[in-house]
């Protein structure tokens, strides 16, 4: 009877651990029709019948990384490819960095809120800039503190103060 229980237990344990294994090439990859890459931050949205360019997207977006996109892709399309901005992003301060003809770095600010919600662009650039090869789109932002974050910090401080008070009262009573 003990041998049967022992054999059953180890068979069950072996079965669970063998099905729980994840292959290395599946970690971090989300494959949807071949568009997401298995190799980290490289994404291929190229069009085989068009000229394709490489651009990078940094910052507070869902999938930052390097993208191969058709040359007719707009900034709005690129923001869709990257999975959209995160909750912490600042959409009125997007920036495109590129090299001009003299190999000097040029920064083009974009107010994404203007693109999405206004009838006319109100910034310095009155039209949406086109994306060039090797452009870098930066989506700035900063982490936001939600109620649970503030509550956790407050609870930590409160418990430290209670512990300190108990320690002082204990030392005083000795």
N, C-alpha and C. Protein backbone atom coordinates (compact mmCIF):
# COMPACT_ATOMS: atom_id res chain seq x y z
N UNK A 1 0.82 -1.20 0.00
CA UNK A 1 0.00 0.00 0.00
C UNK A 1 0.87 1.26 0.00
N UNK A 2 1.95 1.22 0.83
CA UNK A 2 2.84 2.37 0.88
C UNK A 2 3.53 2.60 -0.46
N UNK A 3 3.87 1.50 -1.14
CA UNK A 3 4.53 1.62 -2.44
C UNK A 3 3.60 2.26 -3.47
N UNK A 4 2.34 1.90 -3.41
CA UNK A 4 1.37 2.47 -4.36
C UNK A 4 1.19 3.95 -4.09
N UNK A 5 1.04 4.35 -2.83
CA UNK A 5 0.91 5.77 -2.49
C UNK A 5 2.17 6.54 -2.86
N UNK A 6 3.32 5.95 -2.60
CA UNK A 6 4.60 6.59 -2.93
C UNK A 6 4.70 6.78 -4.44
N UNK A 7 4.39 5.76 -5.22
CA UNK A 7 4.44 5.83 -6.67
C UNK A 7 3.43 6.85 -7.21
N UNK A 8 2.22 6.87 -6.67
CA UNK A 8 1.20 7.81 -7.10
C UNK A 8 1.61 9.25 -6.79
N UNK A 9 2.16 9.48 -5.62
CA UNK A 9 2.59 10.82 -5.23
C UNK A 9 3.69 11.34 -6.16
N UNK A 10 4.71 10.53 -6.43
CA UNK A 10 5.79 10.98 -7.30
C UNK A 10 5.37 11.08 -8.75
N UNK A 11 4.43 10.27 -9.20
CA UNK A 11 3.90 10.40 -10.55
C UNK A 11 3.15 11.72 -10.69
N UNK A 12 2.34 12.02 -9.70
CA UNK A 12 1.59 13.27 -9.69
C UNK A 12 2.55 14.47 -9.66
N UNK A 13 3.56 14.40 -8.81
CA UNK A 13 4.53 15.48 -8.70
C UNK A 13 5.29 15.67 -10.00
N UNK A 14 5.71 14.59 -10.64
CA UNK A 14 6.44 14.68 -11.90
C UNK A 14 5.55 15.25 -12.99
N UNK A 15 4.29 14.86 -13.04
CA UNK A 15 3.36 15.35 -14.06
C UNK A 15 3.13 16.85 -13.92
N UNK A 16 2.96 17.32 -12.70
CA UNK A 16 2.73 18.75 -12.47
C UNK A 16 3.95 19.56 -12.90
N UNK A 17 5.13 19.14 -12.51
CA UNK A 17 6.33 19.92 -12.83
C UNK A 17 6.64 19.88 -14.32
N UNK A 18 6.33 18.80 -15.01
CA UNK A 18 6.64 18.75 -16.44
C UNK A 18 5.69 19.64 -17.23
N UNK A 19 4.43 19.75 -16.82
CA UNK A 19 3.51 20.62 -17.53
C UNK A 19 3.67 22.09 -17.15
N UNK A 20 4.32 22.37 -16.06
CA UNK A 20 4.50 23.75 -15.61
C UNK A 20 5.68 24.43 -16.26
N UNK A 21 6.49 23.70 -17.00
CA UNK A 21 7.68 24.28 -17.61
C UNK A 21 7.29 25.16 -18.78
N UNK A 22 8.01 26.28 -18.91
CA UNK A 22 7.81 27.20 -20.03
C UNK A 22 9.10 27.23 -20.83
N UNK A 23 8.97 27.11 -22.13
CA UNK A 23 10.17 27.14 -22.96
C UNK A 23 10.74 28.55 -22.96
N UNK A 24 12.06 28.67 -23.06
CA UNK A 24 12.73 29.96 -22.98
C UNK A 24 12.26 30.93 -24.06
N UNK A 25 11.99 30.44 -25.25
CA UNK A 25 11.62 31.36 -26.32
C UNK A 25 10.19 31.85 -26.21
N UNK A 26 9.40 31.35 -25.26
CA UNK A 26 8.06 31.85 -25.05
C UNK A 26 8.02 32.97 -24.02
N UNK A 27 9.04 33.09 -23.20
CA UNK A 27 9.03 34.09 -22.14
C UNK A 27 9.08 35.49 -22.74
N UNK A 28 8.16 36.35 -22.34
CA UNK A 28 8.17 37.75 -22.77
C UNK A 28 7.64 37.98 -24.16
N UNK A 29 7.23 36.97 -24.87
CA UNK A 29 6.77 37.15 -26.23
C UNK A 29 5.26 37.05 -26.30
N UNK A 30 4.68 37.92 -27.05
CA UNK A 30 3.25 37.83 -27.30
C UNK A 30 3.07 37.79 -28.81
N UNK A 31 2.80 36.62 -29.32
CA UNK A 31 2.73 36.44 -30.76
C UNK A 31 1.29 36.62 -31.19
N UNK A 32 1.06 37.60 -32.06
CA UNK A 32 -0.26 37.78 -32.65
C UNK A 32 -0.05 37.94 -34.15
N UNK A 33 -0.31 36.90 -34.89
CA UNK A 33 -0.20 36.88 -36.34
C UNK A 33 1.20 37.28 -36.81
N UNK A 34 2.23 36.93 -36.07
CA UNK A 34 3.59 37.19 -36.51
C UNK A 34 4.04 38.62 -36.35
N UNK A 35 3.26 39.48 -35.75
CA UNK A 35 3.65 40.89 -35.63
C UNK A 35 4.54 41.17 -34.43
N UNK A 36 4.35 40.46 -33.34
CA UNK A 36 5.17 40.65 -32.15
C UNK A 36 6.40 39.77 -32.26
N UNK A 37 7.50 40.25 -31.79
CA UNK A 37 8.77 39.55 -31.92
C UNK A 37 9.04 38.66 -30.72
N UNK A 38 9.79 37.61 -30.96
CA UNK A 38 10.23 36.75 -29.86
C UNK A 38 11.48 37.30 -29.20
N UNK A 39 12.08 38.30 -29.79
CA UNK A 39 13.40 38.76 -29.36
C UNK A 39 13.36 40.11 -28.67
N UNK A 40 12.52 40.29 -27.68
CA UNK A 40 12.51 41.53 -26.91
C UNK A 40 11.81 42.65 -27.63
N UNK A 41 12.48 43.79 -27.73
CA UNK A 41 11.86 45.01 -28.20
C UNK A 41 11.99 45.26 -29.69
N UNK A 42 11.92 44.25 -30.54
CA UNK A 42 11.95 44.44 -31.98
C UNK A 42 10.63 43.97 -32.56
N UNK A 43 9.94 44.88 -33.27
CA UNK A 43 8.62 44.58 -33.80
C UNK A 43 8.58 44.88 -35.29
N UNK A 44 8.04 43.97 -36.05
CA UNK A 44 8.04 44.09 -37.50
C UNK A 44 6.61 44.27 -38.01
N UNK A 45 6.29 45.48 -38.46
CA UNK A 45 5.00 45.78 -39.07
C UNK A 45 5.20 46.17 -40.53
N UNK A 46 6.23 45.62 -41.15
CA UNK A 46 6.60 46.03 -42.50
C UNK A 46 5.55 45.62 -43.53
N UNK A 47 5.55 46.36 -44.61
CA UNK A 47 4.67 46.09 -45.73
C UNK A 47 5.56 45.62 -46.88
N UNK A 48 5.41 44.37 -47.34
CA UNK A 48 6.32 43.86 -48.38
C UNK A 48 6.21 44.61 -49.71
N UNK A 49 5.13 45.34 -49.92
CA UNK A 49 4.96 46.07 -51.18
C UNK A 49 5.27 47.55 -51.04
N UNK A 50 5.94 47.94 -49.96
CA UNK A 50 6.24 49.35 -49.72
C UNK A 50 7.67 49.48 -49.22
N UNK A 51 8.14 50.71 -49.18
CA UNK A 51 9.43 51.01 -48.59
C UNK A 51 9.25 51.05 -47.07
N UNK A 52 10.10 50.34 -46.33
CA UNK A 52 9.97 50.26 -44.88
C UNK A 52 11.11 50.99 -44.19
N UNK A 53 10.82 51.55 -43.01
CA UNK A 53 11.82 52.29 -42.25
C UNK A 53 11.89 51.73 -40.83
N UNK A 54 13.02 51.98 -40.17
CA UNK A 54 13.20 51.60 -38.77
C UNK A 54 13.03 52.85 -37.91
N UNK A 55 12.19 52.76 -36.90
CA UNK A 55 12.04 53.84 -35.92
C UNK A 55 12.07 53.20 -34.53
N UNK A 56 12.39 54.02 -33.54
CA UNK A 56 12.40 53.55 -32.16
C UNK A 56 11.35 54.32 -31.37
N UNK A 57 10.75 53.66 -30.40
CA UNK A 57 9.79 54.30 -29.50
C UNK A 57 10.25 54.04 -28.08
N UNK A 58 10.46 55.12 -27.33
CA UNK A 58 10.93 55.04 -25.95
C UNK A 58 9.90 55.67 -25.04
N UNK A 59 9.88 55.23 -23.80
CA UNK A 59 9.09 55.91 -22.79
C UNK A 59 7.88 55.14 -22.33
N UNK A 60 6.85 55.88 -22.01
CA UNK A 60 5.67 55.36 -21.33
C UNK A 60 4.63 54.88 -22.34
N UNK A 61 4.97 53.80 -23.05
CA UNK A 61 4.05 53.12 -23.95
C UNK A 61 4.01 51.65 -23.56
N UNK A 62 3.04 50.93 -24.07
CA UNK A 62 2.89 49.53 -23.68
C UNK A 62 4.03 48.66 -24.19
N UNK A 63 4.47 48.85 -25.43
CA UNK A 63 5.54 48.05 -26.03
C UNK A 63 6.64 48.95 -26.60
N UNK A 64 7.52 49.50 -25.77
CA UNK A 64 8.62 50.30 -26.31
C UNK A 64 9.60 49.40 -27.05
N UNK A 65 10.29 49.97 -28.02
CA UNK A 65 11.28 49.18 -28.74
C UNK A 65 11.53 49.72 -30.13
N UNK A 66 12.12 48.88 -30.96
CA UNK A 66 12.46 49.22 -32.34
C UNK A 66 11.39 48.62 -33.26
N UNK A 67 10.92 49.44 -34.20
CA UNK A 67 9.83 49.04 -35.09
C UNK A 67 10.25 49.18 -36.55
N UNK A 68 9.88 48.19 -37.34
CA UNK A 68 10.01 48.27 -38.80
C UNK A 68 8.61 48.54 -39.31
N UNK A 69 8.42 49.73 -39.91
CA UNK A 69 7.09 50.17 -40.32
C UNK A 69 7.15 50.69 -41.76
N UNK A 70 6.03 50.70 -42.46
CA UNK A 70 6.00 51.30 -43.79
C UNK A 70 6.26 52.81 -43.70
N UNK A 71 6.82 53.39 -44.76
CA UNK A 71 7.18 54.81 -44.72
C UNK A 71 5.96 55.73 -44.68
N UNK A 72 4.79 55.23 -44.99
CA UNK A 72 3.58 56.06 -44.95
C UNK A 72 2.90 56.05 -43.57
N UNK A 73 3.52 55.43 -42.57
CA UNK A 73 2.94 55.35 -41.23
C UNK A 73 2.99 56.71 -40.56
N UNK A 74 1.89 57.10 -39.94
CA UNK A 74 1.83 58.38 -39.22
C UNK A 74 2.16 58.15 -37.75
N UNK A 75 2.30 59.23 -37.01
CA UNK A 75 2.57 59.14 -35.58
C UNK A 75 1.40 58.48 -34.85
N UNK A 76 0.19 58.75 -35.29
CA UNK A 76 -0.99 58.13 -34.68
C UNK A 76 -0.98 56.62 -34.92
N UNK A 77 -0.62 56.20 -36.13
CA UNK A 77 -0.52 54.76 -36.42
C UNK A 77 0.56 54.12 -35.57
N UNK A 78 1.69 54.78 -35.43
CA UNK A 78 2.79 54.25 -34.63
C UNK A 78 2.38 54.11 -33.17
N UNK A 79 1.63 55.07 -32.66
CA UNK A 79 1.16 54.96 -31.28
C UNK A 79 0.19 53.77 -31.14
N UNK A 80 -0.53 53.44 -32.18
CA UNK A 80 -1.38 52.25 -32.14
C UNK A 80 -0.54 50.98 -32.16
N UNK A 81 0.52 50.96 -32.98
CA UNK A 81 1.40 49.80 -33.05
C UNK A 81 2.06 49.51 -31.71
N UNK A 82 2.42 50.55 -30.97
CA UNK A 82 3.13 50.36 -29.69
C UNK A 82 2.17 50.00 -28.56
N UNK A 83 0.91 49.83 -28.86
CA UNK A 83 -0.05 49.42 -27.84
C UNK A 83 -0.66 50.59 -27.10
N UNK A 84 -0.37 51.79 -27.54
CA UNK A 84 -0.93 52.98 -26.90
C UNK A 84 -0.12 53.43 -25.71
N UNK A 85 -0.41 54.63 -25.23
CA UNK A 85 0.31 55.15 -24.07
C UNK A 85 -0.15 54.48 -22.78
N UNK A 86 0.71 54.49 -21.79
CA UNK A 86 0.32 53.99 -20.48
C UNK A 86 -0.41 55.08 -19.71
N UNK A 87 -0.95 54.74 -18.55
CA UNK A 87 -1.65 55.72 -17.73
C UNK A 87 -0.73 56.83 -17.24
N UNK A 88 0.56 56.54 -17.15
CA UNK A 88 1.52 57.50 -16.60
C UNK A 88 2.10 58.44 -17.65
N UNK A 89 1.71 58.30 -18.90
CA UNK A 89 2.31 59.11 -19.97
C UNK A 89 1.75 60.53 -19.99
N UNK A 90 2.57 61.42 -20.52
CA UNK A 90 2.20 62.83 -20.67
C UNK A 90 2.05 63.09 -22.16
N UNK A 91 0.84 63.08 -22.68
CA UNK A 91 0.60 63.10 -24.11
C UNK A 91 0.75 64.47 -24.77
N UNK A 92 0.89 65.52 -23.99
CA UNK A 92 1.07 66.82 -24.62
C UNK A 92 2.53 67.19 -24.79
N UNK A 93 3.44 66.25 -24.53
CA UNK A 93 4.88 66.54 -24.67
C UNK A 93 5.62 65.46 -25.45
N UNK A 94 4.98 64.81 -26.43
CA UNK A 94 5.69 63.83 -27.25
C UNK A 94 6.79 64.53 -28.03
N UNK A 95 7.88 63.81 -28.28
CA UNK A 95 9.00 64.39 -29.02
C UNK A 95 9.52 63.40 -30.04
N UNK A 96 9.85 63.90 -31.21
CA UNK A 96 10.54 63.10 -32.22
C UNK A 96 11.94 63.66 -32.33
N UNK A 97 12.92 62.78 -32.16
CA UNK A 97 14.32 63.16 -32.34
C UNK A 97 14.80 62.57 -33.66
N UNK A 98 15.47 63.42 -34.45
CA UNK A 98 16.01 62.97 -35.73
C UNK A 98 17.26 63.77 -36.08
N UNK A 99 18.03 63.22 -36.97
CA UNK A 99 19.22 63.92 -37.47
C UNK A 99 18.83 64.67 -38.73
N UNK A 100 19.23 65.96 -38.82
CA UNK A 100 18.94 66.71 -40.03
C UNK A 100 20.05 66.47 -41.06
N UNK A 101 20.04 67.24 -42.14
CA UNK A 101 21.01 67.03 -43.22
C UNK A 101 22.45 67.29 -42.79
N UNK A 102 22.64 68.13 -41.78
CA UNK A 102 23.99 68.45 -41.30
C UNK A 102 24.41 67.57 -40.12
N UNK A 103 23.71 66.46 -39.91
CA UNK A 103 23.97 65.53 -38.80
C UNK A 103 23.85 66.18 -37.43
N UNK A 104 23.00 67.18 -37.32
CA UNK A 104 22.68 67.76 -36.02
C UNK A 104 21.35 67.18 -35.57
N UNK A 105 21.25 66.99 -34.26
CA UNK A 105 20.02 66.43 -33.72
C UNK A 105 18.93 67.49 -33.70
N UNK A 106 17.77 67.12 -34.16
CA UNK A 106 16.62 68.01 -34.21
C UNK A 106 15.51 67.41 -33.37
N UNK A 107 14.83 68.24 -32.59
CA UNK A 107 13.72 67.77 -31.78
C UNK A 107 12.43 68.40 -32.28
N UNK A 108 11.43 67.57 -32.53
CA UNK A 108 10.13 68.05 -32.99
C UNK A 108 9.11 67.71 -31.92
N UNK A 109 8.56 68.73 -31.22
CA UNK A 109 7.54 68.44 -30.20
C UNK A 109 6.18 68.19 -30.85
N UNK A 110 5.43 67.29 -30.25
CA UNK A 110 4.09 66.97 -30.73
C UNK A 110 3.14 66.96 -29.54
N UNK A 111 2.02 67.61 -29.69
CA UNK A 111 0.97 67.54 -28.67
C UNK A 111 -0.03 66.51 -29.16
N UNK A 112 0.05 65.31 -28.62
CA UNK A 112 -0.82 64.21 -29.07
C UNK A 112 -2.28 64.50 -28.76
N UNK A 113 -2.54 65.27 -27.72
CA UNK A 113 -3.92 65.64 -27.41
C UNK A 113 -4.51 66.49 -28.52
N UNK A 114 -3.69 67.36 -29.14
CA UNK A 114 -4.15 68.13 -30.30
C UNK A 114 -4.53 67.20 -31.45
N UNK A 115 -3.69 66.19 -31.67
CA UNK A 115 -3.96 65.26 -32.77
C UNK A 115 -5.26 64.51 -32.56
N UNK A 116 -5.54 64.17 -31.32
CA UNK A 116 -6.69 63.33 -31.03
C UNK A 116 -7.98 64.10 -30.83
N UNK A 117 -7.93 65.27 -30.19
CA UNK A 117 -9.16 65.89 -29.72
C UNK A 117 -9.47 67.25 -30.33
N UNK A 118 -8.50 67.94 -30.92
CA UNK A 118 -8.73 69.29 -31.43
C UNK A 118 -8.97 69.27 -32.94
N UNK A 119 -9.67 70.32 -33.43
CA UNK A 119 -9.91 70.44 -34.87
C UNK A 119 -8.68 70.93 -35.60
N UNK A 120 -7.87 71.79 -34.94
CA UNK A 120 -6.66 72.32 -35.54
C UNK A 120 -5.50 72.16 -34.58
N UNK A 121 -4.29 72.03 -35.15
CA UNK A 121 -3.09 71.94 -34.32
C UNK A 121 -2.75 73.32 -33.79
N UNK A 122 -2.44 73.41 -32.51
CA UNK A 122 -2.20 74.71 -31.88
C UNK A 122 -0.73 74.96 -31.60
N UNK A 123 0.13 73.97 -31.79
CA UNK A 123 1.55 74.12 -31.44
C UNK A 123 2.32 74.87 -32.50
N UNK A 124 3.65 74.85 -32.36
CA UNK A 124 4.55 75.51 -33.29
C UNK A 124 4.46 74.87 -34.67
N UNK A 125 4.33 73.56 -34.71
CA UNK A 125 4.22 72.84 -35.97
C UNK A 125 2.74 72.65 -36.28
N UNK A 126 2.30 73.23 -37.39
CA UNK A 126 0.88 73.22 -37.72
C UNK A 126 0.45 71.98 -38.50
N UNK A 127 1.39 71.08 -38.82
CA UNK A 127 1.01 69.84 -39.45
C UNK A 127 1.74 68.69 -38.76
N UNK A 128 1.17 67.53 -38.87
CA UNK A 128 1.74 66.35 -38.22
C UNK A 128 3.02 65.98 -38.95
N UNK A 129 4.14 65.86 -38.24
CA UNK A 129 5.39 65.52 -38.92
C UNK A 129 5.38 64.08 -39.42
N UNK A 130 6.02 63.87 -40.56
CA UNK A 130 6.15 62.52 -41.07
C UNK A 130 7.33 61.84 -40.36
N UNK A 131 7.28 60.54 -40.33
CA UNK A 131 8.36 59.78 -39.70
C UNK A 131 9.43 59.47 -40.74
N UNK A 132 10.68 59.67 -40.36
CA UNK A 132 11.82 59.40 -41.21
C UNK A 132 12.57 58.18 -40.68
N UNK A 133 13.42 57.56 -41.50
CA UNK A 133 14.22 56.45 -40.99
C UNK A 133 15.08 56.88 -39.80
N UNK A 134 15.20 56.02 -38.82
CA UNK A 134 16.01 56.22 -37.60
C UNK A 134 15.44 57.27 -36.66
N UNK A 135 14.19 57.69 -36.84
CA UNK A 135 13.57 58.61 -35.89
C UNK A 135 13.38 57.91 -34.55
N UNK A 136 13.37 58.71 -33.49
CA UNK A 136 13.10 58.21 -32.14
C UNK A 136 11.91 58.99 -31.60
N UNK A 137 10.83 58.28 -31.31
CA UNK A 137 9.65 58.89 -30.70
C UNK A 137 9.74 58.67 -29.20
N UNK A 138 9.75 59.75 -28.43
CA UNK A 138 9.84 59.67 -26.98
C UNK A 138 8.49 60.09 -26.40
N UNK A 139 7.93 59.22 -25.56
CA UNK A 139 6.67 59.50 -24.87
C UNK A 139 7.01 59.68 -23.40
N UNK A 140 7.10 60.95 -22.93
CA UNK A 140 7.50 61.18 -21.54
C UNK A 140 6.35 60.91 -20.58
N UNK A 141 6.69 60.86 -19.34
CA UNK A 141 5.70 60.65 -18.29
C UNK A 141 6.38 60.47 -16.96
N UNK A 142 5.58 60.27 -15.96
CA UNK A 142 6.11 60.00 -14.63
C UNK A 142 5.12 59.10 -13.90
N UNK A 143 5.65 58.22 -13.06
CA UNK A 143 4.74 57.32 -12.34
C UNK A 143 3.77 58.10 -11.46
N UNK A 144 2.55 57.67 -11.46
CA UNK A 144 1.52 58.31 -10.64
C UNK A 144 1.27 57.48 -9.40
N UNK A 145 0.94 58.16 -8.32
CA UNK A 145 0.61 57.49 -7.07
C UNK A 145 -0.91 57.42 -6.97
N UNK A 146 -1.42 56.22 -6.83
CA UNK A 146 -2.84 56.01 -6.66
C UNK A 146 -3.16 55.86 -5.17
N UNK A 147 -4.44 55.75 -4.85
CA UNK A 147 -4.86 55.69 -3.46
C UNK A 147 -4.17 54.56 -2.71
N UNK A 148 -4.09 53.38 -3.32
CA UNK A 148 -3.47 52.24 -2.64
C UNK A 148 -1.98 52.50 -2.37
N UNK A 149 -1.31 53.22 -3.27
CA UNK A 149 0.10 53.56 -3.04
C UNK A 149 0.23 54.48 -1.84
N UNK A 150 -0.59 55.54 -1.81
CA UNK A 150 -0.54 56.47 -0.68
C UNK A 150 -0.94 55.77 0.62
N UNK A 151 -1.93 54.90 0.56
CA UNK A 151 -2.37 54.18 1.73
C UNK A 151 -1.26 53.26 2.26
N UNK A 152 -0.56 52.60 1.37
CA UNK A 152 0.53 51.71 1.75
C UNK A 152 1.66 52.50 2.43
N UNK A 153 2.00 53.64 1.87
CA UNK A 153 3.05 54.47 2.47
C UNK A 153 2.61 54.97 3.84
N UNK A 154 1.38 55.46 3.93
CA UNK A 154 0.87 55.95 5.21
C UNK A 154 0.80 54.85 6.26
N UNK A 155 0.39 53.67 5.87
CA UNK A 155 0.31 52.55 6.80
C UNK A 155 1.71 52.14 7.28
N UNK A 156 2.70 52.17 6.39
CA UNK A 156 4.08 51.85 6.78
C UNK A 156 4.60 52.85 7.80
N UNK A 157 4.37 54.13 7.55
CA UNK A 157 4.83 55.17 8.48
C UNK A 157 4.11 55.02 9.82
N UNK A 158 2.79 54.79 9.77
CA UNK A 158 2.01 54.64 10.99
C UNK A 158 2.49 53.44 11.82
N UNK A 159 2.75 52.30 11.17
CA UNK A 159 3.20 51.12 11.91
C UNK A 159 4.61 51.34 12.48
N UNK A 160 5.47 52.08 11.77
CA UNK A 160 6.79 52.39 12.31
C UNK A 160 6.67 53.28 13.55
N UNK A 161 5.76 54.25 13.51
CA UNK A 161 5.56 55.12 14.68
C UNK A 161 4.99 54.35 15.87
N UNK A 162 4.07 53.44 15.62
CA UNK A 162 3.51 52.61 16.70
C UNK A 162 4.61 51.74 17.31
N UNK A 163 5.43 51.12 16.46
CA UNK A 163 6.53 50.28 16.97
C UNK A 163 7.52 51.10 17.80
N UNK A 164 7.83 52.29 17.35
CA UNK A 164 8.74 53.17 18.09
C UNK A 164 8.13 53.58 19.43
N UNK A 165 6.84 53.87 19.45
CA UNK A 165 6.16 54.23 20.70
C UNK A 165 6.18 53.07 21.68
N UNK A 166 5.90 51.87 21.21
CA UNK A 166 5.92 50.68 22.08
C UNK A 166 7.32 50.45 22.62
N UNK A 167 8.34 50.64 21.79
CA UNK A 167 9.73 50.47 22.24
C UNK A 167 10.08 51.48 23.32
N UNK A 168 9.69 52.72 23.14
CA UNK A 168 9.98 53.76 24.13
C UNK A 168 9.26 53.46 25.44
N UNK A 169 7.97 53.07 25.38
CA UNK A 169 7.22 52.74 26.59
C UNK A 169 7.82 51.53 27.31
N UNK A 170 8.29 50.55 26.58
CA UNK A 170 8.90 49.36 27.17
C UNK A 170 10.21 49.71 27.87
N UNK A 171 11.02 50.52 27.23
CA UNK A 171 12.31 50.92 27.83
C UNK A 171 12.07 51.78 29.06
N UNK A 172 11.08 52.64 29.04
CA UNK A 172 10.79 53.52 30.16
C UNK A 172 10.29 52.74 31.38
N UNK A 173 9.56 51.64 31.15
CA UNK A 173 9.02 50.84 32.26
C UNK A 173 10.11 49.97 32.90
N UNK A 174 11.22 49.76 32.28
CA UNK A 174 12.27 48.92 32.87
C UNK A 174 12.87 49.66 34.00
